[in-house]
Amino acid sequence: LARRVYGRMGQPARRLLLSSTFARDAAMRWYNGSSLGWSTKARLAIGLVSRALPV
């Protein structure tokens, strides 16, 4: 996870974590060992893609 967030391609992930309470909550749940459901993963993926696209 750290490589994805802090690596050279991590800008969209950082934007998502800064702007989304949902993403931060999901990250904390995952970090604590909970598995994330498909709907949560899909919502995170959509958020990540939206942060990667130019505005």
PDB file of N, CA and C in Angstrom:
ATOM      1  N   LEU A   1       0.832  -1.196   0.000  1.00  0.00           N
ATOM      2  CA  LEU A   1       0.000   0.000   0.000  1.00  0.00           C
ATOM      3  C   LEU A   1       0.869   1.249   0.000  1.00  0.00           C
ATOM      4  N   ALA A   2       1.918   1.262   0.796  1.00  0.00           N
ATOM      5  CA  ALA A   2       2.763   2.450   0.883  1.00  0.00           C
ATOM      6  C   ALA A   2       3.358   2.805  -0.477  1.00  0.00           C
ATOM      7  N   ARG A   3       3.785   1.790  -1.241  1.00  0.00           N
ATOM      8  CA  ARG A   3       4.331   2.071  -2.567  1.00  0.00           C
ATOM      9  C   ARG A   3       3.295   2.715  -3.470  1.00  0.00           C
ATOM     10  N   ARG A   4       2.047   2.267  -3.354  1.00  0.00           N
ATOM     11  CA  ARG A   4       0.980   2.825  -4.193  1.00  0.00           C
ATOM     12  C   ARG A   4       0.654   4.259  -3.790  1.00  0.00           C
ATOM     13  N   VAL A   5       0.720   4.542  -2.507  1.00  0.00           N
ATOM     14  CA  VAL A   5       0.348   5.872  -2.027  1.00  0.00           C
ATOM     15  C   VAL A   5       1.513   6.848  -2.119  1.00  0.00           C
ATOM     16  N   TYR A   6       2.715   6.401  -1.784  1.00  0.00           N
ATOM     17  CA  TYR A   6       3.849   7.313  -1.706  1.00  0.00           C
ATOM     18  C   TYR A   6       4.815   7.207  -2.873  1.00  0.00           C
ATOM     19  N   GLY A   7       4.609   6.251  -3.768  1.00  0.00           N
ATOM     20  CA  GLY A   7       5.475   6.089  -4.929  1.00  0.00           C
ATOM     21  C   GLY A   7       5.248   7.193  -5.954  1.00  0.00           C
ATOM     22  N   ARG A   8       5.973   7.093  -7.056  1.00  0.00           N
ATOM     23  CA  ARG A   8       5.897   8.153  -8.065  1.00  0.00           C
ATOM     24  C   ARG A   8       4.527   8.261  -8.717  1.00  0.00           C
ATOM     25  N   MET A   9       3.738   7.190  -8.681  1.00  0.00           N
ATOM     26  CA  MET A   9       2.396   7.227  -9.258  1.00  0.00           C
ATOM     27  C   MET A   9       1.321   7.407  -8.185  1.00  0.00           C
ATOM     28  N   GLY A  10       1.706   7.821  -7.005  1.00  0.00           N
ATOM     29  CA  GLY A  10       0.786   7.867  -5.879  1.00  0.00           C
ATOM     30  C   GLY A  10      -0.065   9.112  -5.740  1.00  0.00           C
ATOM     31  N   GLN A  11       0.110  10.088  -6.604  1.00  0.00           N
ATOM     32  CA  GLN A  11      -0.655  11.334  -6.464  1.00  0.00           C
ATOM     33  C   GLN A  11      -2.167  11.107  -6.425  1.00  0.00           C
ATOM     34  N   PRO A  12      -2.743  10.309  -7.322  1.00  0.00           N
ATOM     35  CA  PRO A  12      -4.192  10.077  -7.239  1.00  0.00           C
ATOM     36  C   PRO A  12      -4.612   9.432  -5.915  1.00  0.00           C
ATOM     37  N   ALA A  13      -3.810   8.501  -5.411  1.00  0.00           N
ATOM     38  CA  ALA A  13      -4.140   7.855  -4.132  1.00  0.00           C
ATOM     39  C   ALA A  13      -4.077   8.856  -2.991  1.00  0.00           C
ATOM     40  N   ARG A  14      -3.081   9.728  -3.005  1.00  0.00           N
ATOM     41  CA  ARG A  14      -2.982  10.758  -1.958  1.00  0.00           C
ATOM     42  C   ARG A  14      -4.166  11.710  -2.029  1.00  0.00           C
ATOM     43  N   ARG A  15      -4.546  12.102  -3.234  1.00  0.00           N
ATOM     44  CA  ARG A  15      -5.710  12.988  -3.386  1.00  0.00           C
ATOM     45  C   ARG A  15      -6.974  12.326  -2.847  1.00  0.00           C
ATOM     46  N   LEU A  16      -7.138  11.045  -3.168  1.00  0.00           N
ATOM     47  CA  LEU A  16      -8.319  10.319  -2.709  1.00  0.00           C
ATOM     48  C   LEU A  16      -8.339  10.243  -1.184  1.00  0.00           C
ATOM     49  N   LEU A  17      -7.220   9.903  -0.572  1.00  0.00           N
ATOM     50  CA  LEU A  17      -7.173   9.799   0.886  1.00  0.00           C
ATOM     51  C   LEU A  17      -7.400  11.149   1.561  1.00  0.00           C
ATOM     52  N   LEU A  18      -6.908  12.217   0.952  1.00  0.00           N
ATOM     53  CA  LEU A  18      -7.105  13.552   1.530  1.00  0.00           C
ATOM     54  C   LEU A  18      -8.543  14.033   1.409  1.00  0.00           C
ATOM     55  N   SER A  19      -9.206  13.671   0.332  1.00  0.00           N
ATOM     56  CA  SER A  19     -10.521  14.253   0.065  1.00  0.00           C
ATOM     57  C   SER A  19     -11.699  13.356   0.440  1.00  0.00           C
ATOM     58  N   SER A  20     -11.446  12.098   0.763  1.00  0.00           N
ATOM     59  CA  SER A  20     -12.546  11.159   0.965  1.00  0.00           C
ATOM     60  C   SER A  20     -12.499  10.500   2.343  1.00  0.00           C
ATOM     61  N   THR A  21     -13.485  10.809   3.155  1.00  0.00           N
ATOM     62  CA  THR A  21     -13.615  10.142   4.448  1.00  0.00           C
ATOM     63  C   THR A  21     -13.843   8.647   4.239  1.00  0.00           C
ATOM     64  N   PHE A  22     -14.627   8.298   3.228  1.00  0.00           N
ATOM     65  CA  PHE A  22     -14.883   6.889   2.918  1.00  0.00           C
ATOM     66  C   PHE A  22     -13.572   6.151   2.644  1.00  0.00           C
ATOM     67  N   ALA A  23     -12.692   6.752   1.837  1.00  0.00           N
ATOM     68  CA  ALA A  23     -11.418   6.109   1.504  1.00  0.00           C
ATOM     69  C   ALA A  23     -10.541   5.960   2.742  1.00  0.00           C
ATOM     70  N   ARG A  24     -10.488   6.974   3.571  1.00  0.00           N
ATOM     71  CA  ARG A  24      -9.692   6.886   4.801  1.00  0.00           C
ATOM     72  C   ARG A  24     -10.234   5.809   5.729  1.00  0.00           C
ATOM     73  N   ASP A  25     -11.550   5.759   5.891  1.00  0.00           N
ATOM     74  CA  ASP A  25     -12.161   4.731   6.744  1.00  0.00           C
ATOM     75  C   ASP A  25     -11.879   3.329   6.202  1.00  0.00           C
ATOM     76  N   ALA A  26     -11.992   3.164   4.882  1.00  0.00           N
ATOM     77  CA  ALA A  26     -11.715   1.858   4.271  1.00  0.00           C
ATOM     78  C   ALA A  26     -10.247   1.482   4.460  1.00  0.00           C
ATOM     79  N   ALA A  27      -9.352   2.444   4.298  1.00  0.00           N
ATOM     80  CA  ALA A  27      -7.926   2.178   4.489  1.00  0.00           C
ATOM     81  C   ALA A  27      -7.639   1.754   5.926  1.00  0.00           C
ATOM     82  N   MET A  28      -8.267   2.399   6.879  1.00  0.00           N
ATOM     83  CA  MET A  28      -8.063   2.031   8.284  1.00  0.00           C
ATOM     84  C   MET A  28      -8.611   0.639   8.579  1.00  0.00           C
ATOM     85  N   ARG A  29      -9.773   0.319   8.007  1.00  0.00           N
ATOM     86  CA  ARG A  29     -10.336  -1.026   8.202  1.00  0.00           C
ATOM     87  C   ARG A  29      -9.402  -2.085   7.613  1.00  0.00           C
ATOM     88  N   TRP A  30      -8.907  -1.827   6.397  1.00  0.00           N
ATOM     89  CA  TRP A  30      -8.002  -2.763   5.738  1.00  0.00           C
ATOM     90  C   TRP A  30      -6.704  -2.909   6.537  1.00  0.00           C
ATOM     91  N   TYR A  31      -6.160  -1.787   7.005  1.00  0.00           N
ATOM     92  CA  TYR A  31      -4.914  -1.807   7.769  1.00  0.00           C
ATOM     93  C   TYR A  31      -5.077  -2.608   9.062  1.00  0.00           C
ATOM     94  N   ASN A  32      -6.258  -2.565   9.653  1.00  0.00           N
ATOM     95  CA  ASN A  32      -6.531  -3.305  10.885  1.00  0.00           C
ATOM     96  C   ASN A  32      -6.856  -4.771  10.633  1.00  0.00           C
ATOM     97  N   GLY A  33      -6.830  -5.205   9.388  1.00  0.00           N
ATOM     98  CA  GLY A  33      -6.991  -6.615   9.077  1.00  0.00           C
ATOM     99  C   GLY A  33      -8.353  -7.027   8.553  1.00  0.00           C
ATOM    100  N   SER A  34      -9.271  -6.090   8.420  1.00  0.00           N
ATOM    101  CA  SER A  34     -10.586  -6.421   7.868  1.00  0.00           C
ATOM    102  C   SER A  34     -10.488  -6.540   6.355  1.00  0.00           C
ATOM    103  N   SER A  35     -11.229  -7.481   5.801  1.00  0.00           N
ATOM    104  CA  SER A  35     -11.262  -7.565   4.345  1.00  0.00           C
ATOM    105  C   SER A  35     -12.317  -6.589   3.827  1.00  0.00           C
ATOM    106  N   LEU A  36     -12.058  -6.064   2.654  1.00  0.00           N
ATOM    107  CA  LEU A  36     -12.977  -5.105   2.044  1.00  0.00           C
ATOM    108  C   LEU A  36     -13.830  -5.833   1.017  1.00  0.00           C
ATOM    109  N   GLY A  37     -15.113  -5.570   1.020  1.00  0.00           N
ATOM    110  CA  GLY A  37     -16.027  -6.182   0.066  1.00  0.00           C
ATOM    111  C   GLY A  37     -15.843  -5.621  -1.336  1.00  0.00           C
ATOM    112  N   TRP A  38     -16.449  -6.317  -2.293  1.00  0.00           N
ATOM    113  CA  TRP A  38     -16.329  -5.886  -3.690  1.00  0.00           C
ATOM    114  C   TRP A  38     -16.911  -4.501  -3.917  1.00  0.00           C
ATOM    115  N   SER A  39     -18.006  -4.166  -3.261  1.00  0.00           N
ATOM    116  CA  SER A  39     -18.602  -2.842  -3.473  1.00  0.00           C
ATOM    117  C   SER A  39     -17.679  -1.748  -2.944  1.00  0.00           C
ATOM    118  N   THR A  40     -17.013  -2.010  -1.827  1.00  0.00           N
ATOM    119  CA  THR A  40     -16.055  -1.038  -1.292  1.00  0.00           C
ATOM    120  C   THR A  40     -14.874  -0.892  -2.237  1.00  0.00           C
ATOM    121  N   LYS A  41     -14.361  -2.016  -2.726  1.00  0.00           N
ATOM    122  CA  LYS A  41     -13.235  -1.973  -3.662  1.00  0.00           C
ATOM    123  C   LYS A  41     -13.617  -1.236  -4.940  1.00  0.00           C
ATOM    124  N   ALA A  42     -14.824  -1.478  -5.430  1.00  0.00           N
ATOM    125  CA  ALA A  42     -15.282  -0.798  -6.645  1.00  0.00           C
ATOM    126  C   ALA A  42     -15.389   0.700  -6.418  1.00  0.00           C
ATOM    127  N   ARG A  43     -15.950   1.087  -5.287  1.00  0.00           N
ATOM    128  CA  ARG A  43     -16.084   2.513  -4.981  1.00  0.00           C
ATOM    129  C   ARG A  43     -14.709   3.178  -4.853  1.00  0.00           C
ATOM    130  N   LEU A  44     -13.757   2.483  -4.237  1.00  0.00           N
ATOM    131  CA  LEU A  44     -12.400   3.020  -4.130  1.00  0.00           C
ATOM    132  C   LEU A  44     -11.747   3.130  -5.507  1.00  0.00           C
ATOM    133  N   ALA A  45     -11.946   2.135  -6.360  1.00  0.00           N
ATOM    134  CA  ALA A  45     -11.369   2.167  -7.705  1.00  0.00           C
ATOM    135  C   ALA A  45     -11.932   3.326  -8.514  1.00  0.00           C
ATOM    136  N   ILE A  46     -13.231   3.536  -8.420  1.00  0.00           N
ATOM    137  CA  ILE A  46     -13.850   4.657  -9.136  1.00  0.00           C
ATOM    138  C   ILE A  46     -13.289   5.978  -8.621  1.00  0.00           C
ATOM    139  N   GLY A  47     -13.160   6.096  -7.311  1.00  0.00           N
ATOM    140  CA  GLY A  47     -12.585   7.309  -6.734  1.00  0.00           C
ATOM    141  C   GLY A  47     -11.152   7.523  -7.170  1.00  0.00           C
ATOM    142  N   LEU A  48     -10.381   6.447  -7.231  1.00  0.00           N
ATOM    143  CA  LEU A  48      -8.986   6.548  -7.640  1.00  0.00           C
ATOM    144  C   LEU A  48      -8.867   6.972  -9.097  1.00  0.00           C
ATOM    145  N   VAL A  49      -9.676   6.376  -9.954  1.00  0.00           N
ATOM    146  CA  VAL A  49      -9.655   6.746 -11.376  1.00  0.00           C
ATOM    147  C   VAL A  49     -10.076   8.201 -11.550  1.00  0.00           C
ATOM    148  N   SER A  50     -11.078   8.629 -10.812  1.00  0.00           N
ATOM    149  CA  SER A  50     -11.534  10.017 -10.947  1.00  0.00           C
ATOM    150  C   SER A  50     -10.462  11.002 -10.499  1.00  0.00           C
ATOM    151  N   ARG A  51      -9.619  10.603  -9.543  1.00  0.00           N
ATOM    152  CA  ARG A  51      -8.536  11.491  -9.093  1.00  0.00           C
ATOM    153  C   ARG A  51      -7.372  11.481 -10.072  1.00  0.00           C
ATOM    154  N   ALA A  52      -7.258  10.432 -10.887  1.00  0.00           N
ATOM    155  CA  ALA A  52      -6.151  10.319 -11.833  1.00  0.00           C
ATOM    156  C   ALA A  52      -6.409  11.085 -13.123  1.00  0.00           C
ATOM    157  N   LEU A  53      -7.681  11.307 -13.445  1.00  0.00           N
ATOM    158  CA  LEU A  53      -8.015  12.001 -14.688  1.00  0.00           C
ATOM    159  C   LEU A  53      -7.803  13.499 -14.535  1.00  0.00           C
ATOM    160  N   PRO A  54      -7.348  14.149 -15.596  1.00  0.00           N
ATOM    161  CA  PRO A  54      -7.165  15.603 -15.521  1.00  0.00           C
ATOM    162  C   PRO A  54      -8.504  16.312 -15.339  1.00  0.00           C
ATOM    163  N   VAL A  55      -8.457  17.380 -14.605  1.00  0.00           N
ATOM    164  CA  VAL A  55      -9.684  18.148 -14.330  1.00  0.00           C
ATOM    165  C   VAL A  55      -9.941  19.149 -15.416  1.00  0.00           C
TER     166      VAL A  55
END
